[in-house]
Amino acid sequence: MDEYDVVVVGGGAAGLGGALALVRSRRSVLVIDEGTPRNAPAEHVHNYLTRDGVPPAEIYALGRAEVTGYGGEVRTGTVTAVTPGQDGFEVLTADGTAVRARRLLVTTGLADQLPEVQGLAERFGRDVLHCPYCHGWEVRDQAIGVLATGVMAIHQAMLFSQLSSDVTLFLNDGPEPTEEQWEQLAARDISVVLGKVTAIEVADDKLSGVRLDGGRVIPCQALVVQPYAAARAAFLEGLGLKPAEVEANGVSIGTAVPSEPGGKTAVPGVWVAGNVADPRAQVITSAAAGLAAAAAINYDLIEEETRLAVAARSS
């Protein structure tokens, strides 16, 4: 069975960022990635200094080339289980392959669970959006709708009103605004539409409107949603690591694997980075988190190796 200093599960920005730091520290590293990044539907990555506007696949291809250029390995596969093994962990993939890892860096990201609205999922990452910093500039000055499914919708409407003077909040299943919030919405010239949203309308492969329960269609060119961010970490259950709820403004926005600053988890030898640890992390922050976790892992290995060397020297 092949053995590595570190196995990185997930080959997105966090995983490749961590792997790069580790291979440059002369660690043996294997990256296992199933090839389904969260931002695959998006045409471009934004707010990544010197890489703004680059397609996600291009960034990951460059990252893989950098990691393998220093001697790291990258494999396509899906990790199904991780179990404690001799001096580390055994990592099992769906094809039955198993490898040993002295340390584990988990960067598997999350899965966006979208509101059940007809046609919405097919447009996600294009003109159905969730983040003003990821896609806001691209829909500036357009007619932007915000689909309320919770209390964060008003916060989103405020953010997108910075980018367009034509913002409509669809209350849908969201809570009734407070008196103060009604005043804030009016002050920002944000329109509010009552009623359940049942579908989105598309014309010429572009979002054209939002259909309400009674059949009325409100024109819009972009629709903002708040997905539930579910951490992709079921394979860690054998180690006793389970995702926990993450709250924003007192409301759950998804799940993440609990960790300390720097990514260290409650299980010795296991670190997490990127969206699996922080649903709000963007590509550049995920890459940085991977680097921080890698630095911690490298020194953890150095401490272990030093203890062993001291014991061997004194025996």
C-alpha atoms as a PDB file:
ATOM      1  CA  MET A   1       0.000   0.000   0.000  1.00  0.00           C
ATOM      2  CA  ASP A   2       1.404   3.396  -0.979  1.00  0.00           C
ATOM      3  CA  GLU A   3       2.188   5.734   1.917  1.00  0.00           C
ATOM      4  CA  TYR A   4       2.436   9.526   1.943  1.00  0.00           C
ATOM      5  CA  ASP A   5       3.284  12.185   4.461  1.00  0.00           C
ATOM      6  CA  VAL A   6       0.008  13.899   3.608  1.00  0.00           C
ATOM      7  CA  VAL A   7      -3.066  12.894   1.641  1.00  0.00           C
ATOM      8  CA  VAL A   8      -5.145  15.874   0.529  1.00  0.00           C
ATOM      9  CA  VAL A   9      -8.786  15.030  -0.115  1.00  0.00           C
ATOM     10  CA  GLY A  10     -10.151  17.587  -2.560  1.00  0.00           C
ATOM     11  CA  GLY A  11      -8.327  19.349  -5.378  1.00  0.00           C
ATOM     12  CA  GLY A  12      -9.837  22.821  -5.375  1.00  0.00           C
ATOM     13  CA  ALA A  13      -8.152  26.040  -4.300  1.00  0.00           C
ATOM     14  CA  ALA A  14      -7.725  24.984  -0.661  1.00  0.00           C
ATOM     15  CA  GLY A  15      -6.445  21.510  -1.471  1.00  0.00           C
ATOM     16  CA  LEU A  16      -4.021  22.590  -4.166  1.00  0.00           C
ATOM     17  CA  GLY A  17      -2.881  25.588  -2.114  1.00  0.00           C
ATOM     18  CA  GLY A  18      -2.066  23.280   0.775  1.00  0.00           C
ATOM     19  CA  ALA A  19      -0.472  20.635  -1.424  1.00  0.00           C
ATOM     20  CA  LEU A  20       1.795  23.205  -3.066  1.00  0.00           C
ATOM     21  CA  ALA A  21       3.158  24.401   0.277  1.00  0.00           C
ATOM     22  CA  LEU A  22       3.715  20.827   1.424  1.00  0.00           C
ATOM     23  CA  VAL A  23       5.557  19.618  -1.677  1.00  0.00           C
ATOM     24  CA  ARG A  24       7.741  22.725  -1.541  1.00  0.00           C
ATOM     25  CA  SER A  25       8.618  21.600   2.004  1.00  0.00           C
ATOM     26  CA  ARG A  26       9.735  18.258   0.525  1.00  0.00           C
ATOM     27  CA  ARG A  27       6.739  16.311   1.795  1.00  0.00           C
ATOM     28  CA  SER A  28       5.327  13.363  -0.122  1.00  0.00           C
ATOM     29  CA  VAL A  29       1.809  14.412  -1.054  1.00  0.00           C
ATOM     30  CA  LEU A  30      -1.130  12.806  -2.822  1.00  0.00           C
ATOM     31  CA  VAL A  31      -4.153  14.881  -3.858  1.00  0.00           C
ATOM     32  CA  ILE A  32      -7.343  12.893  -4.466  1.00  0.00           C
ATOM     33  CA  ASP A  33     -10.028  14.871  -6.265  1.00  0.00           C
ATOM     34  CA  GLU A  34     -13.336  13.725  -7.754  1.00  0.00           C
ATOM     35  CA  GLY A  35     -13.483  16.652 -10.188  1.00  0.00           C
ATOM     36  CA  THR A  36     -16.749  18.282  -9.056  1.00  0.00           C
ATOM     37  CA  PRO A  37     -15.801  21.707  -7.674  1.00  0.00           C
ATOM     38  CA  ARG A  38     -18.533  23.879  -6.206  1.00  0.00           C
ATOM     39  CA  ASN A  39     -17.872  26.681  -8.678  1.00  0.00           C
ATOM     40  CA  ALA A  40     -17.900  24.479 -11.794  1.00  0.00           C
ATOM     41  CA  PRO A  41     -21.032  26.231 -13.205  1.00  0.00           C
ATOM     42  CA  ALA A  42     -19.377  29.646 -12.928  1.00  0.00           C
ATOM     43  CA  GLU A  43     -17.650  31.048 -16.001  1.00  0.00           C
ATOM     44  CA  HIS A  44     -15.046  33.017 -14.057  1.00  0.00           C
ATOM     45  CA  VAL A  45     -13.437  33.453 -10.643  1.00  0.00           C
ATOM     46  CA  HIS A  46     -13.415  36.977  -9.236  1.00  0.00           C
ATOM     47  CA  ASN A  47     -11.635  38.891  -6.464  1.00  0.00           C
ATOM     48  CA  TYR A  48      -8.612  36.596  -6.827  1.00  0.00           C
ATOM     49  CA  LEU A  49      -5.728  39.047  -7.171  1.00  0.00           C
ATOM     50  CA  THR A  50      -3.910  38.592 -10.539  1.00  0.00           C
ATOM     51  CA  ARG A  51      -6.445  35.896 -11.522  1.00  0.00           C
ATOM     52  CA  ASP A  52      -9.650  37.934 -11.681  1.00  0.00           C
ATOM     53  CA  GLY A  53     -11.855  36.724 -14.527  1.00  0.00           C
ATOM     54  CA  VAL A  54     -10.028  33.425 -15.046  1.00  0.00           C
ATOM     55  CA  PRO A  55     -12.251  30.324 -15.482  1.00  0.00           C
ATOM     56  CA  PRO A  56     -12.190  28.046 -12.405  1.00  0.00           C
ATOM     57  CA  ALA A  57     -10.998  25.045 -14.443  1.00  0.00           C
ATOM     58  CA  GLU A  58      -7.978  27.028 -15.651  1.00  0.00           C
ATOM     59  CA  ILE A  59      -6.962  27.937 -12.098  1.00  0.00           C
ATOM     60  CA  TYR A  60      -7.219  24.319 -10.987  1.00  0.00           C
ATOM     61  CA  ALA A  61      -5.262  23.098 -14.019  1.00  0.00           C
ATOM     62  CA  LEU A  62      -2.481  25.563 -13.250  1.00  0.00           C
ATOM     63  CA  GLY A  63      -2.528  24.486  -9.607  1.00  0.00           C
ATOM     64  CA  ARG A  64      -2.262  20.803 -10.450  1.00  0.00           C
ATOM     65  CA  ALA A  65       0.662  21.516 -12.763  1.00  0.00           C
ATOM     66  CA  GLU A  66       2.438  23.436 -10.002  1.00  0.00           C
ATOM     67  CA  VAL A  67       1.908  20.652  -7.458  1.00  0.00           C
ATOM     68  CA  THR A  68       3.069  17.884  -9.792  1.00  0.00           C
ATOM     69  CA  GLY A  69       5.972  20.062 -10.927  1.00  0.00           C
ATOM     70  CA  TYR A  70       7.406  19.790  -7.409  1.00  0.00           C
ATOM     71  CA  GLY A  71       6.857  16.039  -7.264  1.00  0.00           C
ATOM     72  CA  GLY A  72       3.363  15.812  -5.812  1.00  0.00           C
ATOM     73  CA  GLU A  73       0.769  13.388  -7.150  1.00  0.00           C
ATOM     74  CA  VAL A  74      -2.806  14.154  -8.202  1.00  0.00           C
ATOM     75  CA  ARG A  75      -5.353  11.394  -8.777  1.00  0.00           C
ATOM     76  CA  THR A  76      -8.969  11.456  -9.839  1.00  0.00           C
ATOM     77  CA  GLY A  77     -11.161   9.572  -7.388  1.00  0.00           C
ATOM     78  CA  THR A  78     -13.760   9.744  -4.650  1.00  0.00           C
ATOM     79  CA  VAL A  79     -12.753   9.081  -1.063  1.00  0.00           C
ATOM     80  CA  THR A  80     -15.404   6.933   0.603  1.00  0.00           C
ATOM     81  CA  ALA A  81     -13.870   6.283   4.017  1.00  0.00           C
ATOM     82  CA  VAL A  82     -10.970   7.162   6.269  1.00  0.00           C
ATOM     83  CA  THR A  83      -9.992   4.882   9.154  1.00  0.00           C
ATOM     84  CA  PRO A  84      -7.258   5.059  11.780  1.00  0.00           C
ATOM     85  CA  GLY A  85      -4.230   3.072  10.697  1.00  0.00           C
ATOM     86  CA  GLN A  86      -0.682   2.399  11.791  1.00  0.00           C
ATOM     87  CA  ASP A  87       1.031   5.754  12.357  1.00  0.00           C
ATOM     88  CA  GLY A  88      -1.771   7.659  10.647  1.00  0.00           C
ATOM     89  CA  PHE A  89      -4.752   6.841   8.484  1.00  0.00           C
ATOM     90  CA  GLU A  90      -5.936   4.555   5.719  1.00  0.00           C
ATOM     91  CA  VAL A  91      -7.788   6.361   2.933  1.00  0.00           C
ATOM     92  CA  LEU A  92     -10.161   4.284   0.801  1.00  0.00           C
ATOM     93  CA  THR A  93     -11.516   5.382  -2.582  1.00  0.00           C
ATOM     94  CA  ALA A  94     -14.582   4.251  -4.504  1.00  0.00           C
ATOM     95  CA  ASP A  95     -12.553   2.041  -6.861  1.00  0.00           C
ATOM     96  CA  GLY A  96     -11.234   0.019  -3.923  1.00  0.00           C
ATOM     97  CA  THR A  97      -7.798   1.631  -3.825  1.00  0.00           C
ATOM     98  CA  ALA A  98      -6.348   2.349  -0.387  1.00  0.00           C
ATOM     99  CA  VAL A  99      -3.354   4.474   0.635  1.00  0.00           C
ATOM    100  CA  ARG A 100      -1.737   5.344   3.937  1.00  0.00           C
ATOM    101  CA  ALA A 101      -1.357   8.917   5.159  1.00  0.00           C
ATOM    102  CA  ARG A 102       0.591  10.196   8.137  1.00  0.00           C
ATOM    103  CA  ARG A 103      -1.557  13.321   8.084  1.00  0.00           C
ATOM    104  CA  LEU A 104      -4.804  14.265   6.349  1.00  0.00           C
ATOM    105  CA  LEU A 105      -5.906  17.583   4.849  1.00  0.00           C
ATOM    106  CA  VAL A 106      -9.609  17.635   3.944  1.00  0.00           C
ATOM    107  CA  THR A 107     -10.703  20.265   1.433  1.00  0.00           C
ATOM    108  CA  THR A 108     -13.796  18.676  -0.120  1.00  0.00           C
ATOM    109  CA  GLY A 109     -15.887  21.838  -0.054  1.00  0.00           C
ATOM    110  CA  LEU A 110     -19.663  21.891   0.117  1.00  0.00           C
ATOM    111  CA  ALA A 111     -22.809  21.162  -1.837  1.00  0.00           C
ATOM    112  CA  ASP A 112     -25.271  24.019  -2.424  1.00  0.00           C
ATOM    113  CA  GLN A 113     -28.829  22.970  -1.621  1.00  0.00           C
ATOM    114  CA  LEU A 114     -31.056  25.351  -3.567  1.00  0.00           C
ATOM    115  CA  PRO A 115     -34.658  26.449  -3.048  1.00  0.00           C
ATOM    116  CA  GLU A 116     -37.140  24.232  -4.888  1.00  0.00           C
ATOM    117  CA  VAL A 117     -38.183  26.580  -7.676  1.00  0.00           C
ATOM    118  CA  GLN A 118     -38.765  25.281 -11.187  1.00  0.00           C
ATOM    119  CA  GLY A 119     -35.821  26.008 -13.484  1.00  0.00           C
ATOM    120  CA  LEU A 120     -33.668  27.603 -10.791  1.00  0.00           C
ATOM    121  CA  ALA A 121     -30.999  24.919 -10.391  1.00  0.00           C
ATOM    122  CA  GLU A 122     -30.200  24.897 -14.114  1.00  0.00           C
ATOM    123  CA  ARG A 123     -29.282  28.596 -13.990  1.00  0.00           C
ATOM    124  CA  PHE A 124     -27.255  28.535 -10.763  1.00  0.00           C
ATOM    125  CA  GLY A 125     -23.823  30.056 -11.217  1.00  0.00           C
ATOM    126  CA  ARG A 126     -24.952  31.876 -14.362  1.00  0.00           C
ATOM    127  CA  ASP A 127     -27.761  34.366 -13.764  1.00  0.00           C
ATOM    128  CA  VAL A 128     -28.996  32.748 -10.548  1.00  0.00           C
ATOM    129  CA  LEU A 129     -26.466  33.988  -8.018  1.00  0.00           C
ATOM    130  CA  HIS A 130     -25.733  34.014  -4.308  1.00  0.00           C
ATOM    131  CA  CYS A 131     -22.693  36.249  -3.750  1.00  0.00           C
ATOM    132  CA  PRO A 132     -22.264  39.914  -4.732  1.00  0.00           C
ATOM    133  CA  TYR A 133     -18.492  39.613  -4.539  1.00  0.00           C
ATOM    134  CA  CYS A 134     -18.373  36.578  -6.832  1.00  0.00           C
ATOM    135  CA  HIS A 135     -20.772  37.799  -9.537  1.00  0.00           C
ATOM    136  CA  GLY A 136     -22.143  41.206  -8.579  1.00  0.00           C
ATOM    137  CA  TRP A 137     -20.156  43.316 -11.036  1.00  0.00           C
ATOM    138  CA  GLU A 138     -21.332  41.126 -13.901  1.00  0.00           C
ATOM    139  CA  VAL A 139     -25.013  41.967 -13.204  1.00  0.00           C
ATOM    140  CA  ARG A 140     -24.505  45.644 -12.370  1.00  0.00           C
ATOM    141  CA  ASP A 141     -27.301  47.980 -13.489  1.00  0.00           C
ATOM    142  CA  GLN A 142     -29.521  45.026 -14.386  1.00  0.00           C
ATOM    143  CA  ALA A 143     -32.943  44.189 -12.969  1.00  0.00           C
ATOM    144  CA  ILE A 144     -31.987  42.012 -10.005  1.00  0.00           C
ATOM    145  CA  GLY A 145     -34.412  39.914  -7.976  1.00  0.00           C
ATOM    146  CA  VAL A 146     -33.713  38.561  -4.499  1.00  0.00           C
ATOM    147  CA  LEU A 147     -35.574  35.383  -3.549  1.00  0.00           C
ATOM    148  CA  ALA A 148     -36.340  35.334   0.175  1.00  0.00           C
ATOM    149  CA  THR A 149     -36.116  31.966   1.918  1.00  0.00           C
ATOM    150  CA  GLY A 150     -34.900  33.311   5.262  1.00  0.00           C
ATOM    151  CA  VAL A 151     -33.746  36.392   7.137  1.00  0.00           C
ATOM    152  CA  MET A 152     -30.571  36.768   5.041  1.00  0.00           C
ATOM    153  CA  ALA A 153     -32.595  37.911   2.019  1.00  0.00           C
ATOM    154  CA  ILE A 154     -32.868  41.502   3.209  1.00  0.00           C
ATOM    155  CA  HIS A 155     -29.128  41.557   3.829  1.00  0.00           C
ATOM    156  CA  GLN A 156     -28.602  40.295   0.268  1.00  0.00           C
ATOM    157  CA  ALA A 157     -30.997  42.893  -1.139  1.00  0.00           C
ATOM    158  CA  MET A 158     -29.019  45.650   0.574  1.00  0.00           C
ATOM    159  CA  LEU A 159     -25.752  44.344  -0.855  1.00  0.00           C
ATOM    160  CA  PHE A 160     -27.044  44.084  -4.422  1.00  0.00           C
ATOM    161  CA  SER A 161     -28.637  47.556  -4.222  1.00  0.00           C
ATOM    162  CA  GLN A 162     -25.049  48.828  -4.238  1.00  0.00           C
ATOM    163  CA  LEU A 163     -24.710  47.343  -7.728  1.00  0.00           C
ATOM    164  CA  SER A 164     -28.047  48.267  -9.304  1.00  0.00           C
ATOM    165  CA  SER A 165     -30.840  50.763  -8.773  1.00  0.00           C
ATOM    166  CA  ASP A 166     -33.361  48.109  -9.892  1.00  0.00           C
ATOM    167  CA  VAL A 167     -33.572  45.544  -7.084  1.00  0.00           C
ATOM    168  CA  THR A 168     -36.725  43.621  -6.170  1.00  0.00           C
ATOM    169  CA  LEU A 169     -37.149  41.531  -3.040  1.00  0.00           C
ATOM    170  CA  PHE A 170     -39.492  38.568  -3.543  1.00  0.00           C
ATOM    171  CA  LEU A 171     -40.746  37.775  -0.044  1.00  0.00           C
ATOM    172  CA  ASN A 172     -41.689  34.225  -1.087  1.00  0.00           C
ATOM    173  CA  ASP A 173     -41.163  32.051   2.030  1.00  0.00           C
ATOM    174  CA  GLY A 174     -39.113  34.652   3.870  1.00  0.00           C
ATOM    175  CA  PRO A 175     -40.196  36.346   7.092  1.00  0.00           C
ATOM    176  CA  GLU A 176     -42.116  39.616   7.069  1.00  0.00           C
ATOM    177  CA  PRO A 177     -39.674  42.545   7.355  1.00  0.00           C
ATOM    178  CA  THR A 178     -39.691  44.472  10.600  1.00  0.00           C
ATOM    179  CA  GLU A 179     -40.789  48.092  10.635  1.00  0.00           C
ATOM    180  CA  GLU A 180     -37.147  49.174  10.632  1.00  0.00           C
ATOM    181  CA  GLN A 181     -36.377  46.889   7.682  1.00  0.00           C
ATOM    182  CA  TRP A 182     -39.329  48.241   5.688  1.00  0.00           C
ATOM    183  CA  GLU A 183     -37.858  51.719   6.180  1.00  0.00           C
ATOM    184  CA  GLN A 184     -34.418  50.537   5.104  1.00  0.00           C
ATOM    185  CA  LEU A 185     -35.787  48.854   1.976  1.00  0.00           C
ATOM    186  CA  ALA A 186     -37.703  52.001   1.061  1.00  0.00           C
ATOM    187  CA  ALA A 187     -34.630  54.164   1.661  1.00  0.00           C
ATOM    188  CA  ARG A 188     -32.612  52.010  -0.755  1.00  0.00           C
ATOM    189  CA  ASP A 189     -35.451  52.031  -3.332  1.00  0.00           C
ATOM    190  CA  ILE A 190     -35.786  48.260  -3.137  1.00  0.00           C
ATOM    191  CA  SER A 191     -39.168  47.044  -4.374  1.00  0.00           C
ATOM    192  CA  VAL A 192     -40.946  44.284  -2.447  1.00  0.00           C
ATOM    193  CA  VAL A 193     -43.214  41.707  -4.094  1.00  0.00           C
ATOM    194  CA  LEU A 194     -45.486  39.465  -2.026  1.00  0.00           C
ATOM    195  CA  GLY A 195     -46.430  35.938  -3.008  1.00  0.00           C
ATOM    196  CA  LYS A 196     -44.867  32.522  -3.544  1.00  0.00           C
ATOM    197  CA  VAL A 197     -42.318  32.173  -6.365  1.00  0.00           C
ATOM    198  CA  THR A 198     -42.954  28.996  -8.363  1.00  0.00           C
ATOM    199  CA  ALA A 199     -40.631  29.199 -11.377  1.00  0.00           C
ATOM    200  CA  ILE A 200     -38.167  31.297 -13.299  1.00  0.00           C
ATOM    201  CA  GLU A 201     -38.644  32.317 -16.913  1.00  0.00           C
ATOM    202  CA  VAL A 202     -35.895  31.971 -19.517  1.00  0.00           C
ATOM    203  CA  ALA A 203     -35.685  33.435 -23.031  1.00  0.00           C
ATOM    204  CA  ASP A 204     -32.783  32.989 -25.455  1.00  0.00           C
ATOM    205  CA  ASP A 205     -30.829  31.158 -22.732  1.00  0.00           C
ATOM    206  CA  LYS A 206     -31.093  34.153 -20.390  1.00  0.00           C
ATOM    207  CA  LEU A 207     -33.138  34.691 -17.263  1.00  0.00           C
ATOM    208  CA  SER A 208     -36.062  36.924 -18.164  1.00  0.00           C
ATOM    209  CA  GLY A 209     -38.397  36.857 -15.168  1.00  0.00           C
ATOM    210  CA  VAL A 210     -39.818  35.315 -12.026  1.00  0.00           C
ATOM    211  CA  ARG A 211     -43.235  33.641 -12.025  1.00  0.00           C
ATOM    212  CA  LEU A 212     -45.487  33.891  -8.974  1.00  0.00           C
ATOM    213  CA  ASP A 213     -48.053  31.423  -7.722  1.00  0.00           C
ATOM    214  CA  GLY A 214     -50.926  33.207  -9.457  1.00  0.00           C
ATOM    215  CA  GLY A 215     -49.139  33.183 -12.811  1.00  0.00           C
ATOM    216  CA  ARG A 216     -47.897  36.767 -12.736  1.00  0.00           C
ATOM    217  CA  VAL A 217     -44.378  37.205 -14.136  1.00  0.00           C
ATOM    218  CA  ILE A 218     -42.069  39.923 -12.826  1.00  0.00           C
ATOM    219  CA  PRO A 219     -39.247  40.752 -15.273  1.00  0.00           C
ATOM    220  CA  CYS A 220     -35.684  40.410 -13.995  1.00  0.00           C
ATOM    221  CA  GLN A 221     -32.293  39.575 -15.464  1.00  0.00           C
ATOM    222  CA  ALA A 222     -30.624  38.042 -12.418  1.00  0.00           C
ATOM    223  CA  LEU A 223     -31.955  36.290  -9.337  1.00  0.00           C
ATOM    224  CA  VAL A 224     -30.183  36.107  -5.987  1.00  0.00           C
ATOM    225  CA  VAL A 225     -30.735  33.085  -3.733  1.00  0.00           C
ATOM    226  CA  GLN A 226     -29.393  31.831  -0.403  1.00  0.00           C
ATOM    227  CA  PRO A 227     -28.421  28.163  -0.751  1.00  0.00           C
ATOM    228  CA  TYR A 228     -27.998  25.899   2.245  1.00  0.00           C
ATOM    229  CA  ALA A 229     -24.298  25.016   2.306  1.00  0.00           C
ATOM    230  CA  ALA A 230     -23.845  21.346   3.236  1.00  0.00           C
ATOM    231  CA  ALA A 231     -20.269  20.248   3.965  1.00  0.00           C
ATOM    232  CA  ARG A 232     -19.118  17.261   1.918  1.00  0.00           C
ATOM    233  CA  ALA A 233     -17.517  15.217   4.677  1.00  0.00           C
ATOM    234  CA  ALA A 234     -19.517  12.018   5.188  1.00  0.00           C
ATOM    235  CA  PHE A 235     -16.360   9.940   4.697  1.00  0.00           C
ATOM    236  CA  LEU A 236     -14.962  11.336   7.980  1.00  0.00           C
ATOM    237  CA  GLU A 237     -17.632   9.716  10.138  1.00  0.00           C
ATOM    238  CA  GLY A 238     -15.372   6.721  10.772  1.00  0.00           C
ATOM    239  CA  LEU A 239     -13.045   9.107  12.608  1.00  0.00           C
ATOM    240  CA  GLY A 240     -15.881  10.597  14.650  1.00  0.00           C
ATOM    241  CA  LEU A 241     -15.817  13.884  12.742  1.00  0.00           C
ATOM    242  CA  LYS A 242     -19.227  15.226  11.783  1.00  0.00           C
ATOM    243  CA  PRO A 243     -20.227  18.593  10.292  1.00  0.00           C
ATOM    244  CA  ALA A 244     -21.951  21.038  12.621  1.00  0.00           C
ATOM    245  CA  GLU A 245     -24.391  23.859  11.901  1.00  0.00           C
ATOM    246  CA  VAL A 246     -22.927  27.252  10.999  1.00  0.00           C
ATOM    247  CA  GLU A 247     -24.934  30.347  11.871  1.00  0.00           C
ATOM    248  CA  ALA A 248     -25.070  33.869  10.451  1.00  0.00           C
ATOM    249  CA  ASN A 249     -27.214  36.473  12.178  1.00  0.00           C
ATOM    250  CA  GLY A 250     -28.563  33.707  14.401  1.00  0.00           C
ATOM    251  CA  VAL A 251     -29.756  31.560  11.472  1.00  0.00           C
ATOM    252  CA  SER A 252     -28.180  28.371  10.151  1.00  0.00           C
ATOM    253  CA  ILE A 253     -26.653  28.831   6.703  1.00  0.00           C
ATOM    254  CA  GLY A 254     -25.223  25.336   6.403  1.00  0.00           C
ATOM    255  CA  THR A 255     -22.740  22.947   7.957  1.00  0.00           C
ATOM    256  CA  ALA A 256     -18.971  22.781   8.346  1.00  0.00           C
ATOM    257  CA  VAL A 257     -16.428  20.504   9.999  1.00  0.00           C
ATOM    258  CA  PRO A 258     -15.486  22.188  13.311  1.00  0.00           C
ATOM    259  CA  SER A 259     -11.864  23.238  13.543  1.00  0.00           C
ATOM    260  CA  GLU A 260      -9.473  25.588  15.280  1.00  0.00           C
ATOM    261  CA  PRO A 261      -7.960  28.618  13.530  1.00  0.00           C
ATOM    262  CA  GLY A 262      -5.514  27.099  11.057  1.00  0.00           C
ATOM    263  CA  GLY A 263      -7.763  24.128  10.346  1.00  0.00           C
ATOM    264  CA  LYS A 264      -6.833  21.655  13.083  1.00  0.00           C
ATOM    265  CA  THR A 265      -9.747  19.379  13.992  1.00  0.00           C
ATOM    266  CA  ALA A 266     -10.557  17.447  17.166  1.00  0.00           C
ATOM    267  CA  VAL A 267      -8.954  14.340  15.614  1.00  0.00           C
ATOM    268  CA  PRO A 268      -5.141  14.448  15.882  1.00  0.00           C
ATOM    269  CA  GLY A 269      -3.572  14.436  12.441  1.00  0.00           C
ATOM    270  CA  VAL A 270      -6.612  15.774  10.564  1.00  0.00           C
ATOM    271  CA  TRP A 271      -6.903  19.329   9.242  1.00  0.00           C
ATOM    272  CA  VAL A 272      -9.636  20.992   7.182  1.00  0.00           C
ATOM    273  CA  ALA A 273      -9.578  24.053   4.916  1.00  0.00           C
ATOM    274  CA  GLY A 274     -11.797  25.877   2.440  1.00  0.00           C
ATOM    275  CA  ASN A 275     -15.577  25.610   2.232  1.00  0.00           C
ATOM    276  CA  VAL A 276     -15.709  22.343   4.177  1.00  0.00           C
ATOM    277  CA  ALA A 277     -14.541  24.405   7.150  1.00  0.00           C
ATOM    278  CA  ASP A 278     -16.050  27.791   6.242  1.00  0.00           C
ATOM    279  CA  PRO A 279     -19.079  28.043   3.923  1.00  0.00           C
ATOM    280  CA  ARG A 280     -18.388  31.739   3.312  1.00  0.00           C
ATOM    281  CA  ALA A 281     -14.811  31.323   2.080  1.00  0.00           C
ATOM    282  CA  GLN A 282     -14.169  32.500  -1.479  1.00  0.00           C
ATOM    283  CA  VAL A 283     -11.543  31.031  -3.791  1.00  0.00           C
ATOM    284  CA  ILE A 284      -8.701  33.273  -2.684  1.00  0.00           C
ATOM    285  CA  THR A 285      -9.446  32.793   1.025  1.00  0.00           C
ATOM    286  CA  SER A 286      -9.753  29.043   0.522  1.00  0.00           C
ATOM    287  CA  ALA A 287      -6.320  28.949  -1.111  1.00  0.00           C
ATOM    288  CA  ALA A 288      -4.893  30.913   1.815  1.00  0.00           C
ATOM    289  CA  ALA A 289      -6.572  28.584   4.316  1.00  0.00           C
ATOM    290  CA  GLY A 290      -5.018  25.606   2.556  1.00  0.00           C
ATOM    291  CA  LEU A 291      -1.589  27.217   2.869  1.00  0.00           C
ATOM    292  CA  ALA A 292      -2.119  27.915   6.589  1.00  0.00           C
ATOM    293  CA  ALA A 293      -3.216  24.344   7.258  1.00  0.00           C
ATOM    294  CA  ALA A 294      -0.261  22.984   5.282  1.00  0.00           C
ATOM    295  CA  ALA A 295       2.197  25.014   7.346  1.00  0.00           C
ATOM    296  CA  ALA A 296       0.660  23.619  10.540  1.00  0.00           C
ATOM    297  CA  ILE A 297       0.773  20.063   9.195  1.00  0.00           C
ATOM    298  CA  ASN A 298       4.410  20.386   8.136  1.00  0.00           C
ATOM    299  CA  TYR A 299       5.480  21.550  11.577  1.00  0.00           C
ATOM    300  CA  ASP A 300       3.396  18.869  13.269  1.00  0.00           C
ATOM    301  CA  LEU A 301       5.330  16.293  11.243  1.00  0.00           C
ATOM    302  CA  ILE A 302       8.632  17.990  12.111  1.00  0.00           C
ATOM    303  CA  GLU A 303       7.795  17.774  15.823  1.00  0.00           C
ATOM    304  CA  GLU A 304       7.003  14.067  15.500  1.00  0.00           C
ATOM    305  CA  GLU A 305      10.152  13.371  13.514  1.00  0.00           C
ATOM    306  CA  THR A 306      12.252  15.309  16.024  1.00  0.00           C
ATOM    307  CA  ARG A 307      10.855  13.320  18.961  1.00  0.00           C
ATOM    308  CA  LEU A 308      11.668  10.075  17.170  1.00  0.00           C
ATOM    309  CA  ALA A 309      15.171  11.281  16.283  1.00  0.00           C
ATOM    310  CA  VAL A 310      15.880  12.310  19.884  1.00  0.00           C
ATOM    311  CA  ALA A 311      14.641   8.952  21.172  1.00  0.00           C
ATOM    312  CA  ALA A 312      16.758   7.080  18.614  1.00  0.00           C
ATOM    313  CA  ARG A 313      19.834   9.140  19.490  1.00  0.00           C
ATOM    314  CA  SER A 314      19.521   8.467  23.202  1.00  0.00           C
ATOM    315  CA  SER A 315      18.793   4.752  22.920  1.00  0.00           C
END
